[in-house]
C-alpha cells in the first residue's frame, strides 16, 4: 500500500526551486524533468508546471508565482485577523498608508500599509524600520520598492 505524502507548502517549493535554479550547483533542466517524472509529481497548482509527453516544463516565472501565492495566502490570514481587505499591489503602483507591521516570508520581508479601508503588503526596506505607525508612500517597480516617509503636501 502506498503512503500518502501531504503536498509541500509554498515555502518548501520555493526553497527547492531556489536550489534547482542555481546554475552553479543546481540540476539541469533535463535532470529536473527526469526527477519529477520519476517521483510522478502531479501539478497541484496549474501554471507552475506542465507535462508535455515525457517532459515536464516548469513555468518561466516559477519563483514569482510561488511568491505571489504565498503573499496572497498571508494577505488572507491578515484580513481575517484584522477585518481589513487585502488589496494586492500591481507593478508600478503607488500606494499609501500607515505602516502597521512587517511580515517575514521565505521570499523576504513585507510591510503592511493600512489605508483605513484595506491594506497592502509591500516589499520592506530597512529605511522604514523605525517608522512604525507613520504614514508613508511606496512605489513598487519590478519587485523593488521606493519609499516616501511622512505625508506629502501638494498644491
Protein backbone atom coordinates (compact mmCIF):
# COMPACT_ATOMS: atom_id res chain seq x y z
CA UNK A 1 0.00 0.00 0.00
CA UNK A 2 1.35 3.44 -0.95
CA UNK A 3 1.99 6.02 1.72
CA UNK A 4 0.25 9.33 1.20
CA UNK A 5 2.57 12.32 1.36
CA UNK A 6 1.00 15.68 2.12
CA UNK A 7 1.54 18.41 -0.51
CA UNK A 8 4.57 20.62 0.02
CA UNK A 9 3.99 24.13 1.30
CA UNK A 10 4.86 27.02 -0.99
CA UNK A 11 7.81 27.77 1.33
CA UNK A 12 9.27 24.31 0.73
CA UNK A 13 8.65 24.51 -3.01
CA UNK A 14 10.25 27.93 -3.20
CA UNK A 15 13.32 26.72 -1.30
CA UNK A 16 13.64 23.70 -3.61
CA UNK A 17 13.23 25.94 -6.67
CA UNK A 18 16.00 28.23 -5.46
CA UNK A 19 18.37 25.26 -5.22
CA UNK A 20 17.27 23.81 -8.55
CA UNK A 21 17.57 27.18 -10.29
CA UNK A 22 21.14 27.71 -9.05
CA UNK A 23 23.09 27.28 -12.29
CA UNK A 24 26.36 26.60 -10.46
CA UNK A 25 25.13 23.92 -8.07
CA UNK A 26 21.59 23.08 -9.22
CA UNK A 27 20.25 20.42 -11.54
CA UNK A 28 19.94 20.83 -15.29
CA UNK A 29 16.50 21.09 -16.91
CA UNK A 30 16.80 17.50 -18.12
CA UNK A 31 17.69 16.28 -14.63
CA UNK A 32 14.76 18.19 -13.10
CA UNK A 33 12.36 16.73 -15.66
CA UNK A 34 13.65 13.22 -15.03
CA UNK A 35 13.34 13.69 -11.26
CA UNK A 36 9.77 14.98 -11.49
CA UNK A 37 8.85 12.14 -13.84
CA UNK A 38 10.36 9.51 -11.54
CA UNK A 39 8.51 10.75 -8.48
CA UNK A 40 5.32 11.28 -10.54
CA UNK A 41 4.66 14.82 -9.35
CA UNK A 42 1.15 15.93 -10.20
CA UNK A 43 0.57 19.60 -10.96
CA UNK A 44 -1.42 20.63 -7.90
CA UNK A 45 -1.22 24.29 -8.91
CA UNK A 46 -1.93 24.86 -12.60
CA UNK A 47 0.56 27.19 -14.17
CA UNK A 48 3.53 26.01 -12.14
CA UNK A 49 4.47 23.03 -14.29
CA UNK A 50 3.20 21.49 -17.48
CA UNK A 51 3.71 17.91 -18.63
CA UNK A 52 4.39 17.50 -22.37
CA UNK A 53 4.75 13.81 -23.09
CA UNK A 54 7.81 12.63 -21.21
CA UNK A 55 8.92 16.20 -20.39
CA UNK A 56 7.92 18.47 -17.53
CA UNK A 57 8.15 22.18 -18.32
CA UNK A 58 8.47 24.48 -15.30
CA UNK A 59 6.88 27.93 -15.54
CA UNK A 60 9.24 30.73 -16.52
CA UNK A 61 8.28 32.83 -13.53
CA UNK A 62 8.02 29.97 -11.05
CA UNK A 63 9.56 31.82 -8.10
CA UNK A 64 7.40 34.89 -8.71
CA UNK A 65 4.30 32.68 -8.98
CA UNK A 66 5.08 30.90 -5.71
CA UNK A 67 5.88 34.21 -4.02
CA UNK A 68 2.57 35.67 -5.21
CA UNK A 69 0.61 32.67 -3.96
CA UNK A 70 2.27 32.85 -0.54
CA UNK A 71 1.74 36.61 -0.33
CA UNK A 72 -1.96 36.17 -1.19
CA UNK A 73 -2.33 33.48 1.49
CA UNK A 74 -0.65 35.68 4.11
CA UNK A 75 -2.86 38.57 3.00
CA UNK A 76 -5.96 36.43 3.55
CA UNK A 77 -4.75 35.47 7.05
CA UNK A 78 -4.11 39.11 7.99
CA UNK A 79 -7.51 40.10 6.53
CA UNK A 80 -9.23 37.50 8.71
CA UNK A 81 -7.28 38.74 11.72
CA UNK A 82 -7.83 42.49 11.19
CA UNK A 83 -11.12 42.70 9.31
CA UNK A 84 -9.42 44.81 6.63
CA UNK A 85 -9.45 43.85 2.96
CA UNK A 86 -6.15 42.75 1.40
CA UNK A 87 -5.53 44.51 -1.90
CA UNK A 88 -2.58 43.22 -3.93
CA UNK A 89 -0.11 45.77 -5.31
CA UNK A 90 0.40 45.99 -9.08
CA UNK A 91 3.76 46.74 -10.64
CA UNK A 92 4.48 50.48 -10.90
CA UNK A 93 1.64 51.22 -8.49
CA UNK A 94 1.97 53.98 -5.90
CA UNK A 95 0.29 53.09 -2.60
CA UNK A 96 -0.01 54.95 0.68
CA UNK A 97 -0.99 54.12 4.22
CA UNK A 98 0.15 53.78 7.79
CA UNK A 99 2.93 51.26 8.37
CA UNK A 100 1.33 48.86 10.86
CA UNK A 101 3.72 45.90 10.95
CA UNK A 102 6.12 43.77 8.97
CA UNK A 103 5.68 40.18 7.85
CA UNK A 104 8.60 37.82 7.20
CA UNK A 105 8.25 35.30 4.38
CA UNK A 106 10.77 32.96 2.80
CA UNK A 107 10.93 35.36 -0.16
CA UNK A 108 11.64 38.38 2.05
CA UNK A 109 10.12 40.84 4.46
CA UNK A 110 6.98 42.85 3.66
CA UNK A 111 5.46 45.95 5.24
CA UNK A 112 1.72 46.16 5.89
CA UNK A 113 0.36 49.56 4.83
CA UNK A 114 -3.12 50.29 6.20
CA UNK A 115 -5.11 52.93 4.31
CA UNK A 116 -8.16 52.72 6.59
CA UNK A 117 -10.23 50.65 4.13
CA UNK A 118 -7.81 47.85 3.40
CA UNK A 119 -4.13 47.07 3.43
CA UNK A 120 -1.28 46.35 1.05
CA UNK A 121 1.77 44.16 1.52
CA UNK A 122 4.79 45.94 0.07
CA UNK A 123 8.45 44.82 -0.01
CA UNK A 124 10.10 46.09 3.17
CA UNK A 125 13.35 48.07 3.37
CA UNK A 126 15.44 48.93 6.46
CA UNK A 127 14.73 52.66 5.96
CA UNK A 128 11.19 52.17 7.35
CA UNK A 129 12.16 50.09 10.41
CA UNK A 130 11.80 52.98 12.88
CA UNK A 131 8.65 54.37 11.20
CA UNK A 132 6.03 52.02 12.66
CA UNK A 133 2.71 53.88 12.97
CA UNK A 134 3.66 56.60 10.49
CA UNK A 135 2.13 57.46 7.11
CA UNK A 136 4.20 56.63 4.08
CA UNK A 137 4.02 56.13 0.34
CA UNK A 138 5.57 53.24 -1.56
CA UNK A 139 6.05 52.78 -5.28
CA UNK A 140 6.62 49.19 -6.37
CA UNK A 141 8.56 48.56 -9.58
CA UNK A 142 9.79 45.18 -10.76
CA UNK A 143 9.94 43.63 -7.30
CA UNK A 144 11.77 46.66 -5.86
CA UNK A 145 10.26 49.50 -3.88
CA UNK A 146 10.95 53.16 -3.22
CA UNK A 147 9.64 54.80 -0.05
CA UNK A 148 8.47 58.32 0.80
CA UNK A 149 8.24 58.86 4.54
CA UNK A 150 5.63 61.16 6.11
CA UNK A 151 2.70 62.96 4.50
CA UNK A 152 3.39 64.65 1.18
CA UNK A 153 1.75 68.04 0.83
CA UNK A 154 0.77 69.30 -2.59
CA UNK A 155 -0.89 72.37 -4.02
